[in-house]
Amino acid sequence: QVVEPFAAPAHAYGPGHRGVDLVWDGGAVRAPSGGIIVFAGPVA
């Protein structure tokens, strides 16, 4: 369930929403496609 849709900024540093926010029932978070984990940890 999308709570907040993507909103492209007018320029690289402009306001916007750079992704989608999804309601989350507390279940597992899964990789949307194959790849390599390049970061896993705290940010701010």
PDB file of all heavy atoms in Angstrom:
ATOM      1  N   GLN A   1       0.879  -1.169   0.000  1.00  0.00           N
ATOM      2  CA  GLN A   1       0.000   0.000   0.000  1.00  0.00           C
ATOM      3  C   GLN A   1       0.913   1.214   0.000  1.00  0.00           C
ATOM      4  O   GLN A   1       1.680   1.426   0.954  1.00  0.00           O
ATOM      5  CB  GLN A   1      -0.917   0.023   1.218  1.00  0.00           C
ATOM      6  CG  GLN A   1      -1.822   1.238   1.248  1.00  0.00           C
ATOM      7  CD  GLN A   1      -2.672   1.285   2.500  1.00  0.00           C
ATOM      8  OE1 GLN A   1      -2.699   0.367   3.296  1.00  0.00           O
ATOM      9  NE2 GLN A   1      -3.356   2.384   2.684  1.00  0.00           N
ATOM     10  N   VAL A   2       0.873   2.002  -1.071  1.00  0.00           N
ATOM     11  CA  VAL A   2       1.715   3.182  -1.181  1.00  0.00           C
ATOM     12  C   VAL A   2       1.109   4.298  -0.340  1.00  0.00           C
ATOM     13  O   VAL A   2      -0.049   4.660  -0.513  1.00  0.00           O
ATOM     14  CB  VAL A   2       1.869   3.634  -2.649  1.00  0.00           C
ATOM     15  CG1 VAL A   2       2.661   4.926  -2.744  1.00  0.00           C
ATOM     16  CG2 VAL A   2       2.520   2.530  -3.476  1.00  0.00           C
ATOM     17  N   VAL A   3       1.917   4.830   0.587  1.00  0.00           N
ATOM     18  CA  VAL A   3       1.491   5.921   1.461  1.00  0.00           C
ATOM     19  C   VAL A   3       1.923   7.265   0.887  1.00  0.00           C
ATOM     20  O   VAL A   3       1.198   8.235   0.947  1.00  0.00           O
ATOM     21  CB  VAL A   3       2.107   5.763   2.872  1.00  0.00           C
ATOM     22  CG1 VAL A   3       1.726   6.903   3.780  1.00  0.00           C
ATOM     23  CG2 VAL A   3       1.726   4.446   3.476  1.00  0.00           C
ATOM     24  N   GLU A   4       3.133   7.292   0.342  1.00  0.00           N
ATOM     25  CA  GLU A   4       3.696   8.514  -0.229  1.00  0.00           C
ATOM     26  C   GLU A   4       4.341   8.146  -1.560  1.00  0.00           C
ATOM     27  O   GLU A   4       5.294   7.371  -1.598  1.00  0.00           O
ATOM     28  CB  GLU A   4       4.725   9.103   0.725  1.00  0.00           C
ATOM     29  CG  GLU A   4       5.362  10.389   0.277  1.00  0.00           C
ATOM     30  CD  GLU A   4       4.444  11.598   0.407  1.00  0.00           C
ATOM     31  OE1 GLU A   4       3.556  11.582   1.276  1.00  0.00           O
ATOM     32  OE2 GLU A   4       4.608  12.539  -0.381  1.00  0.00           O
ATOM     33  N   PRO A   5       3.848   8.706  -2.683  1.00  0.00           N
ATOM     34  CA  PRO A   5       4.414   8.352  -3.988  1.00  0.00           C
ATOM     35  C   PRO A   5       5.726   9.092  -4.262  1.00  0.00           C
ATOM     36  O   PRO A   5       6.098  10.034  -3.562  1.00  0.00           O
ATOM     37  CB  PRO A   5       3.326   8.806  -4.966  1.00  0.00           C
ATOM     38  CG  PRO A   5       2.666   9.947  -4.271  1.00  0.00           C
ATOM     39  CD  PRO A   5       2.711   9.605  -2.800  1.00  0.00           C
ATOM     40  N   PHE A   6       6.404   8.677  -5.319  1.00  0.00           N
ATOM     41  CA  PHE A   6       7.608   9.337  -5.791  1.00  0.00           C
ATOM     42  C   PHE A   6       7.244  10.726  -6.286  1.00  0.00           C
ATOM     43  O   PHE A   6       6.231  10.903  -6.962  1.00  0.00           O
ATOM     44  CB  PHE A   6       8.209   8.509  -6.930  1.00  0.00           C
ATOM     45  CG  PHE A   6       9.445   9.104  -7.537  1.00  0.00           C
ATOM     46  CD1 PHE A   6      10.689   8.887  -6.967  1.00  0.00           C
ATOM     47  CD2 PHE A   6       9.369   9.870  -8.691  1.00  0.00           C
ATOM     48  CE1 PHE A   6      11.838   9.415  -7.530  1.00  0.00           C
ATOM     49  CE2 PHE A   6      10.514  10.400  -9.266  1.00  0.00           C
ATOM     50  CZ  PHE A   6      11.752  10.180  -8.680  1.00  0.00           C
ATOM     51  N   ALA A   7       8.062  11.725  -5.956  1.00  0.00           N
ATOM     52  CA  ALA A   7       7.879  13.088  -6.460  1.00  0.00           C
ATOM     53  C   ALA A   7       9.251  13.595  -6.878  1.00  0.00           C
ATOM     54  O   ALA A   7      10.087  13.917  -6.020  1.00  0.00           O
ATOM     55  CB  ALA A   7       7.265  13.988  -5.404  1.00  0.00           C
ATOM     56  N   ALA A   8       9.498  13.629  -8.179  1.00  0.00           N
ATOM     57  CA  ALA A   8      10.806  14.035  -8.694  1.00  0.00           C
ATOM     58  C   ALA A   8      11.085  15.492  -8.361  1.00  0.00           C
ATOM     59  O   ALA A   8      10.209  16.351  -8.510  1.00  0.00           O
ATOM     60  CB  ALA A   8      10.854  13.835 -10.205  1.00  0.00           C
ATOM     61  N   PRO A   9      12.298  15.786  -7.903  1.00  0.00           N
ATOM     62  CA  PRO A   9      12.667  17.181  -7.652  1.00  0.00           C
ATOM     63  C   PRO A   9      12.884  17.912  -8.979  1.00  0.00           C
ATOM     64  O   PRO A   9      13.208  17.291  -9.992  1.00  0.00           O
ATOM     65  CB  PRO A   9      13.975  17.067  -6.864  1.00  0.00           C
ATOM     66  CG  PRO A   9      14.542  15.752  -7.255  1.00  0.00           C
ATOM     67  CD  PRO A   9      13.367  14.855  -7.554  1.00  0.00           C
ATOM     68  N   ALA A  10      12.730  19.231  -8.955  1.00  0.00           N
ATOM     69  CA  ALA A  10      12.927  20.029 -10.164  1.00  0.00           C
ATOM     70  C   ALA A  10      14.401  20.065 -10.575  1.00  0.00           C
ATOM     71  O   ALA A  10      14.725  20.203 -11.746  1.00  0.00           O
ATOM     72  CB  ALA A  10      12.417  21.453  -9.945  1.00  0.00           C
ATOM     73  N   HIS A  11      15.295  19.920  -9.595  1.00  0.00           N
ATOM     74  CA  HIS A  11      16.731  19.877  -9.861  1.00  0.00           C
ATOM     75  C   HIS A  11      17.387  19.018  -8.778  1.00  0.00           C
ATOM     76  O   HIS A  11      16.733  18.612  -7.819  1.00  0.00           O
ATOM     77  CB  HIS A  11      17.347  21.283  -9.914  1.00  0.00           C
ATOM     78  CG  HIS A  11      17.060  22.110  -8.702  1.00  0.00           C
ATOM     79  ND1 HIS A  11      17.773  22.000  -7.524  1.00  0.00           N
ATOM     80  CD2 HIS A  11      16.106  23.048  -8.469  1.00  0.00           C
ATOM     81  CE1 HIS A  11      17.294  22.840  -6.636  1.00  0.00           C
ATOM     82  NE2 HIS A  11      16.277  23.482  -7.180  1.00  0.00           N
ATOM     83  N   ALA A  12      18.664  18.731  -8.924  1.00  0.00           N
ATOM     84  CA  ALA A  12      19.365  17.780  -8.049  1.00  0.00           C
ATOM     85  C   ALA A  12      19.218  18.082  -6.562  1.00  0.00           C
ATOM     86  O   ALA A  12      19.189  17.168  -5.742  1.00  0.00           O
ATOM     87  CB  ALA A  12      20.845  17.720  -8.425  1.00  0.00           C
ATOM     88  N   TYR A  13      19.132  19.351  -6.190  1.00  0.00           N
ATOM     89  CA  TYR A  13      19.056  19.711  -4.766  1.00  0.00           C
ATOM     90  C   TYR A  13      17.683  20.229  -4.364  1.00  0.00           C
ATOM     91  O   TYR A  13      17.503  20.741  -3.274  1.00  0.00           O
ATOM     92  CB  TYR A  13      20.137  20.750  -4.443  1.00  0.00           C
ATOM     93  CG  TYR A  13      21.515  20.235  -4.775  1.00  0.00           C
ATOM     94  CD1 TYR A  13      22.173  20.668  -5.925  1.00  0.00           C
ATOM     95  CD2 TYR A  13      22.123  19.278  -3.979  1.00  0.00           C
ATOM     96  CE1 TYR A  13      23.433  20.168  -6.252  1.00  0.00           C
ATOM     97  CE2 TYR A  13      23.376  18.765  -4.304  1.00  0.00           C
ATOM     98  CZ  TYR A  13      24.024  19.223  -5.435  1.00  0.00           C
ATOM     99  OH  TYR A  13      25.254  18.714  -5.767  1.00  0.00           O
ATOM    100  N   GLY A  14      16.711  20.090  -5.255  1.00  0.00           N
ATOM    101  CA  GLY A  14      15.366  20.594  -4.989  1.00  0.00           C
ATOM    102  C   GLY A  14      14.563  19.658  -4.106  1.00  0.00           C
ATOM    103  O   GLY A  14      14.914  18.495  -3.897  1.00  0.00           O
ATOM    104  N   PRO A  15      13.446  20.168  -3.572  1.00  0.00           N
ATOM    105  CA  PRO A  15      12.581  19.321  -2.750  1.00  0.00           C
ATOM    106  C   PRO A  15      11.892  18.265  -3.608  1.00  0.00           C
ATOM    107  O   PRO A  15      11.651  18.469  -4.793  1.00  0.00           O
ATOM    108  CB  PRO A  15      11.568  20.310  -2.165  1.00  0.00           C
ATOM    109  CG  PRO A  15      11.554  21.453  -3.125  1.00  0.00           C
ATOM    110  CD  PRO A  15      12.932  21.523  -3.715  1.00  0.00           C
ATOM    111  N   GLY A  16      11.591  17.157  -2.994  1.00  0.00           N
ATOM    112  CA  GLY A  16      10.908  16.062  -3.672  1.00  0.00           C
ATOM    113  C   GLY A  16      10.882  14.859  -2.765  1.00  0.00           C
ATOM    114  O   GLY A  16      11.340  14.919  -1.622  1.00  0.00           O
ATOM    115  N   HIS A  17      10.341  13.787  -3.255  1.00  0.00           N
ATOM    116  CA  HIS A  17      10.329  12.528  -2.504  1.00  0.00           C
ATOM    117  C   HIS A  17      10.966  11.487  -3.399  1.00  0.00           C
ATOM    118  O   HIS A  17      10.364  11.029  -4.370  1.00  0.00           O
ATOM    119  CB  HIS A  17       8.901  12.136  -2.112  1.00  0.00           C
ATOM    120  CG  HIS A  17       8.873  10.969  -1.188  1.00  0.00           C
ATOM    121  ND1 HIS A  17       8.286   9.786  -1.519  1.00  0.00           N
ATOM    122  CD2 HIS A  17       9.378  10.801   0.058  1.00  0.00           C
ATOM    123  CE1 HIS A  17       8.421   8.930  -0.512  1.00  0.00           C
ATOM    124  NE2 HIS A  17       9.090   9.525   0.448  1.00  0.00           N
ATOM    125  N   ARG A  18      12.190  11.106  -3.075  1.00  0.00           N
ATOM    126  CA  ARG A  18      13.027  10.284  -3.938  1.00  0.00           C
ATOM    127  C   ARG A  18      12.833   8.798  -3.663  1.00  0.00           C
ATOM    128  O   ARG A  18      13.779   8.080  -3.358  1.00  0.00           O
ATOM    129  CB  ARG A  18      14.471  10.713  -3.772  1.00  0.00           C
ATOM    130  CG  ARG A  18      14.716  12.125  -4.303  1.00  0.00           C
ATOM    131  CD  ARG A  18      15.990  12.712  -3.723  1.00  0.00           C
ATOM    132  NE  ARG A  18      16.331  13.984  -4.320  1.00  0.00           N
ATOM    133  CZ  ARG A  18      15.877  15.161  -3.916  1.00  0.00           C
ATOM    134  NH1 ARG A  18      15.021  15.228  -2.906  1.00  0.00           N
ATOM    135  NH2 ARG A  18      16.253  16.268  -4.508  1.00  0.00           N
ATOM    136  N   GLY A  19      11.621   8.344  -3.792  1.00  0.00           N
ATOM    137  CA  GLY A  19      11.266   6.946  -3.572  1.00  0.00           C
ATOM    138  C   GLY A  19       9.778   6.845  -3.306  1.00  0.00           C
ATOM    139  O   GLY A  19       9.034   7.808  -3.525  1.00  0.00           O
ATOM    140  N   VAL A  20       9.339   5.686  -2.854  1.00  0.00           N
ATOM    141  CA  VAL A  20       7.956   5.505  -2.433  1.00  0.00           C
ATOM    142  C   VAL A  20       7.964   4.988  -1.002  1.00  0.00           C
ATOM    143  O   VAL A  20       8.866   4.254  -0.605  1.00  0.00           O
ATOM    144  CB  VAL A  20       7.165   4.530  -3.352  1.00  0.00           C
ATOM    145  CG1 VAL A  20       6.994   5.107  -4.736  1.00  0.00           C
ATOM    146  CG2 VAL A  20       7.800   3.166  -3.425  1.00  0.00           C
ATOM    147  N   ASP A  21       6.973   5.405  -0.235  1.00  0.00           N
ATOM    148  CA  ASP A  21       6.811   4.911   1.129  1.00  0.00           C
ATOM    149  C   ASP A  21       5.663   3.916   1.135  1.00  0.00           C
ATOM    150  O   ASP A  21       4.588   4.191   0.590  1.00  0.00           O
ATOM    151  CB  ASP A  21       6.516   6.056   2.095  1.00  0.00           C
ATOM    152  CG  ASP A  21       7.721   6.975   2.301  1.00  0.00           C
ATOM    153  OD1 ASP A  21       8.826   6.602   1.868  1.00  0.00           O
ATOM    154  OD2 ASP A  21       7.544   8.050   2.889  1.00  0.00           O
ATOM    155  N   LEU A  22       5.918   2.763   1.739  1.00  0.00           N
ATOM    156  CA  LEU A  22       4.966   1.656   1.740  1.00  0.00           C
ATOM    157  C   LEU A  22       4.532   1.309   3.150  1.00  0.00           C
ATOM    158  O   LEU A  22       5.372   1.233   4.051  1.00  0.00           O
ATOM    159  CB  LEU A  22       5.618   0.416   1.114  1.00  0.00           C
ATOM    160  CG  LEU A  22       6.223   0.582  -0.275  1.00  0.00           C
ATOM    161  CD1 LEU A  22       7.047  -0.645  -0.638  1.00  0.00           C
ATOM    162  CD2 LEU A  22       5.130   0.826  -1.293  1.00  0.00           C
ATOM    163  N   VAL A  23       3.220   1.076   3.342  1.00  0.00           N
ATOM    164  CA  VAL A  23       2.742   0.553   4.616  1.00  0.00           C
ATOM    165  C   VAL A  23       3.409  -0.793   4.814  1.00  0.00           C
ATOM    166  O   VAL A  23       3.569  -1.575   3.876  1.00  0.00           O
ATOM    167  CB  VAL A  23       1.206   0.389   4.612  1.00  0.00           C
ATOM    168  CG1 VAL A  23       0.746  -0.401   5.824  1.00  0.00           C
ATOM    169  CG2 VAL A  23       0.530   1.747   4.589  1.00  0.00           C
ATOM    170  N   TRP A  24       3.789  -1.051   6.049  1.00  0.00           N
ATOM    171  CA  TRP A  24       4.586  -2.230   6.339  1.00  0.00           C
ATOM    172  C   TRP A  24       3.971  -2.955   7.509  1.00  0.00           C
ATOM    173  O   TRP A  24       3.824  -2.403   8.598  1.00  0.00           O
ATOM    174  CB  TRP A  24       5.975  -1.750   6.662  1.00  0.00           C
ATOM    175  CG  TRP A  24       7.039  -2.741   6.774  1.00  0.00           C
ATOM    176  CD1 TRP A  24       6.969  -4.084   6.609  1.00  0.00           C
ATOM    177  CD2 TRP A  24       8.385  -2.446   7.092  1.00  0.00           C
ATOM    178  NE1 TRP A  24       8.195  -4.645   6.796  1.00  0.00           N
ATOM    179  CE2 TRP A  24       9.089  -3.640   7.095  1.00  0.00           C
ATOM    180  CE3 TRP A  24       9.068  -1.278   7.379  1.00  0.00           C
ATOM    181  CZ2 TRP A  24      10.436  -3.721   7.375  1.00  0.00           C
ATOM    182  CZ3 TRP A  24      10.403  -1.350   7.648  1.00  0.00           C
ATOM    183  CH2 TRP A  24      11.077  -2.564   7.643  1.00  0.00           C
ATOM    184  N   ASP A  25       3.616  -4.214   7.315  1.00  0.00           N
ATOM    185  CA  ASP A  25       2.947  -4.989   8.365  1.00  0.00           C
ATOM    186  C   ASP A  25       3.928  -5.611   9.349  1.00  0.00           C
ATOM    187  O   ASP A  25       3.555  -6.413  10.188  1.00  0.00           O
ATOM    188  CB  ASP A  25       2.063  -6.073   7.747  1.00  0.00           C
ATOM    189  CG  ASP A  25       2.852  -7.094   6.936  1.00  0.00           C
ATOM    190  OD1 ASP A  25       4.099  -7.056   6.949  1.00  0.00           O
ATOM    191  OD2 ASP A  25       2.211  -7.925   6.284  1.00  0.00           O
ATOM    192  N   GLY A  26       5.202  -5.225   9.266  1.00  0.00           N
ATOM    193  CA  GLY A  26       6.203  -5.757  10.183  1.00  0.00           C
ATOM    194  C   GLY A  26       6.868  -7.025   9.696  1.00  0.00           C
ATOM    195  O   GLY A  26       7.755  -7.547  10.353  1.00  0.00           O
ATOM    196  N   GLY A  27       6.464  -7.522   8.527  1.00  0.00           N
ATOM    197  CA  GLY A  27       7.092  -8.722   7.977  1.00  0.00           C
ATOM    198  C   GLY A  27       8.488  -8.428   7.462  1.00  0.00           C
ATOM    199  O   GLY A  27       9.008  -7.325   7.593  1.00  0.00           O
ATOM    200  N   ALA A  28       9.089  -9.421   6.869  1.00  0.00           N
ATOM    201  CA  ALA A  28      10.448  -9.302   6.348  1.00  0.00           C
ATOM    202  C   ALA A  28      10.515  -8.310   5.192  1.00  0.00           C
ATOM    203  O   ALA A  28       9.554  -8.116   4.459  1.00  0.00           O
ATOM    204  CB  ALA A  28      10.934 -10.668   5.880  1.00  0.00           C
ATOM    205  N   VAL A  29      11.696  -7.695   5.035  1.00  0.00           N
ATOM    206  CA  VAL A  29      11.985  -6.856   3.876  1.00  0.00           C
ATOM    207  C   VAL A  29      12.826  -7.716   2.940  1.00  0.00           C
ATOM    208  O   VAL A  29      13.819  -8.312   3.353  1.00  0.00           O
ATOM    209  CB  VAL A  29      12.777  -5.597   4.281  1.00  0.00           C
ATOM    210  CG1 VAL A  29      13.086  -4.752   3.056  1.00  0.00           C
ATOM    211  CG2 VAL A  29      12.002  -4.793   5.297  1.00  0.00           C
ATOM    212  N   ARG A  30      12.404  -7.783   1.686  1.00  0.00           N
ATOM    213  CA  ARG A  30      13.042  -8.674   0.718  1.00  0.00           C
ATOM    214  C   ARG A  30      13.749  -7.875  -0.375  1.00  0.00           C
ATOM    215  O   ARG A  30      13.344  -6.764  -0.694  1.00  0.00           O
ATOM    216  CB  ARG A  30      11.999  -9.593   0.102  1.00  0.00           C
ATOM    217  CG  ARG A  30      11.321 -10.471   1.143  1.00  0.00           C
ATOM    218  CD  ARG A  30      10.237 -11.353   0.537  1.00  0.00           C
ATOM    219  NE  ARG A  30       9.561 -12.124   1.558  1.00  0.00           N
ATOM    220  CZ  ARG A  30      10.030 -13.230   2.118  1.00  0.00           C
ATOM    221  NH1 ARG A  30      11.198 -13.705   1.740  1.00  0.00           N
ATOM    222  NH2 ARG A  30       9.348 -13.861   3.046  1.00  0.00           N
ATOM    223  N   ALA A  31      14.783  -8.462  -0.929  1.00  0.00           N
ATOM    224  CA  ALA A  31      15.478  -7.845  -2.066  1.00  0.00           C
ATOM    225  C   ALA A  31      14.501  -7.785  -3.233  1.00  0.00           C
ATOM    226  O   ALA A  31      13.897  -8.799  -3.588  1.00  0.00           O
ATOM    227  CB  ALA A  31      16.708  -8.666  -2.439  1.00  0.00           C
ATOM    228  N   PRO A  32      14.329  -6.610  -3.855  1.00  0.00           N
ATOM    229  CA  PRO A  32      13.407  -6.516  -4.984  1.00  0.00           C
ATOM    230  C   PRO A  32      13.946  -7.189  -6.244  1.00  0.00           C
ATOM    231  O   PRO A  32      13.188  -7.507  -7.143  1.00  0.00           O
ATOM    232  CB  PRO A  32      13.244  -5.022  -5.189  1.00  0.00           C
ATOM    233  CG  PRO A  32      14.460  -4.410  -4.590  1.00  0.00           C
ATOM    234  CD  PRO A  32      14.892  -5.321  -3.493  1.00  0.00           C
ATOM    235  N   SER A  33      15.261  -7.427  -6.275  1.00  0.00           N
ATOM    236  CA  SER A  33      15.909  -8.087  -7.396  1.00  0.00           C
ATOM    237  C   SER A  33      17.280  -8.552  -6.912  1.00  0.00           C
ATOM    238  O   SER A  33      17.733  -8.143  -5.839  1.00  0.00           O
ATOM    239  CB  SER A  33      16.058  -7.109  -8.566  1.00  0.00           C
ATOM    240  OG  SER A  33      16.658  -7.744  -9.676  1.00  0.00           O
ATOM    241  N   GLY A  34      17.929  -9.386  -7.690  1.00  0.00           N
ATOM    242  CA  GLY A  34      19.242  -9.871  -7.310  1.00  0.00           C
ATOM    243  C   GLY A  34      20.286  -8.770  -7.303  1.00  0.00           C
ATOM    244  O   GLY A  34      20.165  -7.772  -8.011  1.00  0.00           O
ATOM    245  N   GLY A  35      21.313  -8.951  -6.476  1.00  0.00           N
ATOM    246  CA  GLY A  35      22.388  -7.980  -6.421  1.00  0.00           C
ATOM    247  C   GLY A  35      23.344  -8.276  -5.282  1.00  0.00           C
ATOM    248  O   GLY A  35      23.367  -9.388  -4.749  1.00  0.00           O
ATOM    249  N   ILE A  36      24.101  -7.265  -4.912  1.00  0.00           N
ATOM    250  CA  ILE A  36      25.078  -7.372  -3.835  1.00  0.00           C
ATOM    251  C   ILE A  36      24.795  -6.300  -2.795  1.00  0.00           C
ATOM    252  O   ILE A  36      24.578  -5.131  -3.148  1.00  0.00           O
ATOM    253  CB  ILE A  36      26.513  -7.202  -4.382  1.00  0.00           C
ATOM    254  CG1 ILE A  36      26.821  -8.312  -5.391  1.00  0.00           C
ATOM    255  CG2 ILE A  36      27.540  -7.191  -3.261  1.00  0.00           C
ATOM    256  CD1 ILE A  36      28.123  -8.129  -6.134  1.00  0.00           C
ATOM    257  N   ILE A  37      24.788  -6.689  -1.518  1.00  0.00           N
ATOM    258  CA  ILE A  37      24.604  -5.726  -0.431  1.00  0.00           C
ATOM    259  C   ILE A  37      25.869  -4.873  -0.364  1.00  0.00           C
ATOM    260  O   ILE A  37      26.956  -5.389  -0.129  1.00  0.00           O
ATOM    261  CB  ILE A  37      24.368  -6.429   0.927  1.00  0.00           C
ATOM    262  CG1 ILE A  37      23.175  -7.378   0.866  1.00  0.00           C
ATOM    263  CG2 ILE A  37      24.225  -5.392   2.040  1.00  0.00           C
ATOM    264  CD1 ILE A  37      21.833  -6.734   0.708  1.00  0.00           C
ATOM    265  N   VAL A  38      25.726  -3.565  -0.601  1.00  0.00           N
ATOM    266  CA  VAL A  38      26.888  -2.681  -0.564  1.00  0.00           C
ATOM    267  C   VAL A  38      26.916  -1.818   0.689  1.00  0.00           C
ATOM    268  O   VAL A  38      27.939  -1.221   1.002  1.00  0.00           O
ATOM    269  CB  VAL A  38      26.990  -1.803  -1.834  1.00  0.00           C
ATOM    270  CG1 VAL A  38      27.288  -2.667  -3.053  1.00  0.00           C
ATOM    271  CG2 VAL A  38      25.746  -0.974  -2.043  1.00  0.00           C
ATOM    272  N   PHE A  39      25.780  -1.754   1.409  1.00  0.00           N
ATOM    273  CA  PHE A  39      25.744  -1.059   2.695  1.00  0.00           C
ATOM    274  C   PHE A  39      24.649  -1.668   3.543  1.00  0.00           C
ATOM    275  O   PHE A  39      23.556  -1.961   3.047  1.00  0.00           O
ATOM    276  CB  PHE A  39      25.490   0.444   2.520  1.00  0.00           C
ATOM    277  CG  PHE A  39      25.530   1.179   3.825  1.00  0.00           C
ATOM    278  CD1 PHE A  39      26.748   1.560   4.375  1.00  0.00           C
ATOM    279  CD2 PHE A  39      24.369   1.450   4.527  1.00  0.00           C
ATOM    280  CE1 PHE A  39      26.797   2.208   5.604  1.00  0.00           C
ATOM    281  CE2 PHE A  39      24.406   2.096   5.755  1.00  0.00           C
ATOM    282  CZ  PHE A  39      25.634   2.474   6.291  1.00  0.00           C
ATOM    283  N   ALA A  40      24.933  -1.845   4.825  1.00  0.00           N
ATOM    284  CA  ALA A  40      23.944  -2.347   5.780  1.00  0.00           C
ATOM    285  C   ALA A  40      24.336  -1.808   7.144  1.00  0.00           C
ATOM    286  O   ALA A  40      25.276  -2.299   7.758  1.00  0.00           O
ATOM    287  CB  ALA A  40      23.918  -3.875   5.782  1.00  0.00           C
ATOM    288  N   GLY A  41      23.652  -0.761   7.572  1.00  0.00           N
ATOM    289  CA  GLY A  41      23.990  -0.173   8.862  1.00  0.00           C
ATOM    290  C   GLY A  41      23.246   1.121   9.107  1.00  0.00           C
ATOM    291  O   GLY A  41      22.346   1.486   8.355  1.00  0.00           O
ATOM    292  N   PRO A  42      23.637   1.831  10.170  1.00  0.00           N
ATOM    293  CA  PRO A  42      22.930   3.058  10.531  1.00  0.00           C
ATOM    294  C   PRO A  42      23.396   4.276   9.721  1.00  0.00           C
ATOM    295  O   PRO A  42      24.567   4.400   9.391  1.00  0.00           O
ATOM    296  CB  PRO A  42      23.286   3.236  12.009  1.00  0.00           C
ATOM    297  CG  PRO A  42      24.619   2.566  12.159  1.00  0.00           C
ATOM    298  CD  PRO A  42      24.617   1.437  11.175  1.00  0.00           C
ATOM    299  N   VAL A  43      22.440   5.147   9.414  1.00  0.00           N
ATOM    300  CA  VAL A  43      22.697   6.448   8.803  1.00  0.00           C
ATOM    301  C   VAL A  43      21.767   7.435   9.496  1.00  0.00           C
ATOM    302  O   VAL A  43      20.547   7.278   9.431  1.00  0.00           O
ATOM    303  CB  VAL A  43      22.414   6.446   7.278  1.00  0.00           C
ATOM    304  CG1 VAL A  43      22.552   7.860   6.708  1.00  0.00           C
ATOM    305  CG2 VAL A  43      23.330   5.489   6.549  1.00  0.00           C
ATOM    306  N   ALA A  44      22.341   8.406  10.166  1.00  0.00           N
ATOM    307  CA  ALA A  44      21.561   9.458  10.834  1.00  0.00           C
ATOM    308  C   ALA A  44      20.462   8.879  11.720  1.00  0.00           C
ATOM    309  O   ALA A  44      19.318   9.345  11.698  1.00  0.00           O
ATOM    310  CB  ALA A  44      20.982  10.421   9.806  1.00  0.00           C
TER     311      ALA A  44
END
